[in-house]
């Protein structure tokens, strides 16, 4: 003879599955958010490096020692 599940047992099981699915969606959302933030950091770092490289490529007109007078 099989035991029939009560409505409470069915509700509990369905509720747990619903909670699990919500957890999976939240996990996926957090992973996407972290990937986006990582990409933003990489883009900022690359832009900063490009600006520095462009600035270094221009070079200085005169060395630093000529810019300042010598202290007594």
N, C-alpha and C. Protein backbone atom coordinates (compact mmCIF):
# COMPACT_ATOMS: atom_id res chain seq x y z
N UNK A 1 0.83 -1.18 0.00
CA UNK A 1 0.00 0.00 0.00
C UNK A 1 0.88 1.25 0.00
N UNK A 2 0.60 2.13 -0.88
CA UNK A 2 1.38 3.35 -1.01
C UNK A 2 0.84 4.43 -0.09
N UNK A 3 1.80 5.17 0.40
CA UNK A 3 1.43 6.30 1.26
C UNK A 3 1.16 7.51 0.38
N UNK A 4 -0.02 8.07 0.52
CA UNK A 4 -0.34 9.29 -0.23
C UNK A 4 0.21 10.49 0.52
N UNK A 5 0.77 11.40 -0.23
CA UNK A 5 1.33 12.59 0.39
C UNK A 5 0.21 13.55 0.75
N UNK A 6 0.38 14.13 1.89
CA UNK A 6 -0.61 15.12 2.33
C UNK A 6 -0.37 16.42 1.58
N UNK A 7 -1.34 17.29 1.54
CA UNK A 7 -1.15 18.60 0.89
C UNK A 7 0.01 19.38 1.50
N UNK A 8 0.22 19.23 2.80
CA UNK A 8 1.33 19.93 3.46
C UNK A 8 2.67 19.42 2.95
N UNK A 9 2.77 18.11 2.78
CA UNK A 9 4.01 17.54 2.27
C UNK A 9 4.29 18.00 0.83
N UNK A 10 3.24 18.03 0.02
CA UNK A 10 3.40 18.49 -1.35
C UNK A 10 3.80 19.95 -1.39
N UNK A 11 3.17 20.76 -0.55
CA UNK A 11 3.47 22.18 -0.51
C UNK A 11 4.92 22.40 -0.08
N UNK A 12 5.38 21.67 0.91
CA UNK A 12 6.75 21.82 1.41
C UNK A 12 7.74 21.48 0.31
N UNK A 13 7.48 20.39 -0.41
CA UNK A 13 8.40 19.98 -1.48
C UNK A 13 8.42 21.03 -2.60
N UNK A 14 7.24 21.50 -3.00
CA UNK A 14 7.17 22.51 -4.05
C UNK A 14 7.85 23.81 -3.60
N UNK A 15 7.65 24.14 -2.34
CA UNK A 15 8.25 25.37 -1.81
C UNK A 15 9.77 25.27 -1.83
N UNK A 16 10.29 24.11 -1.44
CA UNK A 16 11.74 23.92 -1.46
C UNK A 16 12.29 24.00 -2.88
N UNK A 17 11.57 23.45 -3.85
CA UNK A 17 12.01 23.53 -5.24
C UNK A 17 11.99 24.98 -5.72
N UNK A 18 10.95 25.70 -5.32
CA UNK A 18 10.86 27.11 -5.69
C UNK A 18 12.02 27.89 -5.09
N UNK A 19 12.34 27.64 -3.83
CA UNK A 19 13.47 28.31 -3.18
C UNK A 19 14.78 27.98 -3.90
N UNK A 20 14.94 26.72 -4.29
CA UNK A 20 16.14 26.29 -4.99
C UNK A 20 16.27 27.01 -6.33
N UNK A 21 15.16 27.10 -7.07
CA UNK A 21 15.19 27.80 -8.35
C UNK A 21 15.52 29.27 -8.17
N UNK A 22 14.96 29.89 -7.15
CA UNK A 22 15.29 31.29 -6.87
C UNK A 22 16.78 31.45 -6.55
N UNK A 23 17.30 30.51 -5.80
CA UNK A 23 18.72 30.55 -5.46
C UNK A 23 19.58 30.43 -6.72
N UNK A 24 19.19 29.57 -7.63
CA UNK A 24 19.94 29.39 -8.88
C UNK A 24 19.90 30.67 -9.73
N UNK A 25 18.72 31.30 -9.80
CA UNK A 25 18.62 32.56 -10.55
C UNK A 25 19.49 33.64 -9.92
N UNK A 26 19.47 33.71 -8.60
CA UNK A 26 20.27 34.72 -7.90
C UNK A 26 21.75 34.47 -8.12
N UNK A 27 22.15 33.22 -8.07
CA UNK A 27 23.56 32.86 -8.29
C UNK A 27 24.00 33.28 -9.70
N UNK A 28 23.18 32.96 -10.69
CA UNK A 28 23.50 33.34 -12.07
C UNK A 28 23.57 34.85 -12.21
N UNK A 29 22.66 35.56 -11.54
CA UNK A 29 22.66 37.02 -11.60
C UNK A 29 23.93 37.59 -10.97
N UNK A 30 24.36 37.04 -9.85
CA UNK A 30 25.58 37.50 -9.20
C UNK A 30 26.81 37.24 -10.07
N UNK A 31 26.84 36.11 -10.74
CA UNK A 31 27.96 35.78 -11.62
C UNK A 31 28.00 36.77 -12.79
N UNK A 32 26.84 37.07 -13.38
CA UNK A 32 26.80 38.05 -14.48
C UNK A 32 27.26 39.42 -14.00
N UNK A 33 26.81 39.82 -12.81
CA UNK A 33 27.20 41.11 -12.27
C UNK A 33 28.71 41.18 -12.03
N UNK A 34 29.28 40.12 -11.49
CA UNK A 34 30.73 40.07 -11.26
C UNK A 34 31.49 40.13 -12.58
N UNK A 35 31.00 39.43 -13.59
CA UNK A 35 31.65 39.47 -14.91
C UNK A 35 31.62 40.89 -15.49
N UNK A 36 30.49 41.56 -15.33
CA UNK A 36 30.37 42.92 -15.83
C UNK A 36 31.34 43.85 -15.11
N UNK A 37 31.40 43.74 -13.80
CA UNK A 37 32.32 44.59 -13.03
C UNK A 37 33.77 44.31 -13.41
N UNK A 38 34.11 43.05 -13.63
CA UNK A 38 35.47 42.68 -14.02
C UNK A 38 35.80 43.29 -15.39
N UNK A 39 34.86 43.23 -16.30
CA UNK A 39 35.06 43.81 -17.63
C UNK A 39 35.26 45.32 -17.54
N UNK A 40 34.47 45.99 -16.71
CA UNK A 40 34.61 47.44 -16.53
C UNK A 40 36.00 47.78 -16.00
N UNK A 41 36.47 47.01 -15.02
CA UNK A 41 37.82 47.25 -14.47
C UNK A 41 38.88 47.07 -15.54
N UNK A 42 38.74 46.03 -16.37
CA UNK A 42 39.72 45.78 -17.42
C UNK A 42 39.73 46.91 -18.45
N UNK A 43 38.55 47.41 -18.80
CA UNK A 43 38.47 48.50 -19.78
C UNK A 43 39.10 49.76 -19.21
N UNK A 44 38.81 50.06 -17.94
CA UNK A 44 39.41 51.25 -17.31
C UNK A 44 40.93 51.13 -17.26
N UNK A 45 41.41 49.96 -16.91
CA UNK A 45 42.85 49.74 -16.84
C UNK A 45 43.49 49.91 -18.21
N UNK A 46 42.85 49.38 -19.24
CA UNK A 46 43.38 49.50 -20.61
C UNK A 46 43.37 50.95 -21.07
N UNK A 47 42.31 51.69 -20.76
CA UNK A 47 42.26 53.11 -21.14
C UNK A 47 43.34 53.91 -20.43
N UNK A 48 43.53 53.61 -19.15
CA UNK A 48 44.57 54.31 -18.37
C UNK A 48 45.94 54.03 -18.98
N UNK A 49 46.19 52.77 -19.32
CA UNK A 49 47.48 52.41 -19.92
C UNK A 49 47.66 53.09 -21.27
N UNK A 50 46.59 53.19 -22.04
CA UNK A 50 46.69 53.85 -23.35
C UNK A 50 46.99 55.34 -23.19
N UNK A 51 46.36 55.98 -22.20
CA UNK A 51 46.64 57.40 -21.96
C UNK A 51 48.09 57.60 -21.54
N UNK A 52 48.57 56.71 -20.67
CA UNK A 52 49.97 56.83 -20.23
C UNK A 52 50.93 56.61 -21.39
N UNK A 53 50.62 55.64 -22.23
CA UNK A 53 51.49 55.37 -23.37
C UNK A 53 51.50 56.56 -24.33
N UNK A 54 50.36 57.17 -24.54
CA UNK A 54 50.28 58.34 -25.42
C UNK A 54 51.04 59.51 -24.82
N UNK A 55 50.94 59.66 -23.52
CA UNK A 55 51.64 60.75 -22.84
C UNK A 55 53.15 60.54 -22.90
N UNK A 56 53.59 59.29 -22.69
CA UNK A 56 55.02 58.97 -22.77
C UNK A 56 55.54 59.13 -24.19
N UNK A 57 54.71 58.85 -25.18
CA UNK A 57 55.14 58.94 -26.58
C UNK A 57 55.43 60.39 -26.98
N UNK A 58 54.70 61.32 -26.33
CA UNK A 58 54.94 62.73 -26.64
C UNK A 58 56.33 63.16 -26.19
N UNK A 59 56.78 62.66 -25.08
CA UNK A 59 58.10 62.97 -24.56
C UNK A 59 58.18 64.36 -23.95
N UNK A 60 59.27 64.61 -23.28
CA UNK A 60 59.48 65.92 -22.65
C UNK A 60 60.31 66.80 -23.57
N UNK A 61 60.03 68.09 -23.49
CA UNK A 61 60.78 69.04 -24.29
C UNK A 61 62.14 69.29 -23.66
N UNK A 62 62.15 69.39 -22.34
CA UNK A 62 63.42 69.61 -21.64
C UNK A 62 63.49 68.69 -20.44
N UNK A 63 64.67 68.29 -20.02
CA UNK A 63 64.79 67.42 -18.85
C UNK A 63 64.38 68.17 -17.58
N UNK A 64 64.05 67.41 -16.55
CA UNK A 64 63.60 67.99 -15.28
C UNK A 64 64.67 68.89 -14.66
N UNK A 65 65.93 68.57 -14.84
CA UNK A 65 67.01 69.34 -14.19
C UNK A 65 67.06 70.77 -14.72
N UNK A 66 66.65 71.00 -15.94
CA UNK A 66 66.68 72.34 -16.52
C UNK A 66 65.46 73.15 -16.05
N UNK A 67 64.41 72.50 -15.69
CA UNK A 67 63.18 73.17 -15.30
C UNK A 67 63.29 73.95 -14.01
N UNK A 68 64.06 73.45 -13.08
CA UNK A 68 64.16 74.07 -11.76
C UNK A 68 65.54 74.68 -11.55
N UNK A 69 65.57 75.78 -10.83
CA UNK A 69 66.86 76.40 -10.53
C UNK A 69 67.48 75.66 -9.34
N UNK A 70 68.74 75.74 -9.26
CA UNK A 70 69.45 75.04 -8.21
C UNK A 70 69.34 75.78 -6.89
N UNK A 71 69.10 75.01 -5.84
CA UNK A 71 68.98 75.63 -4.51
C UNK A 71 70.38 75.95 -3.97
N UNK A 72 70.46 77.02 -3.17
CA UNK A 72 71.76 77.43 -2.62
C UNK A 72 72.19 76.57 -1.47
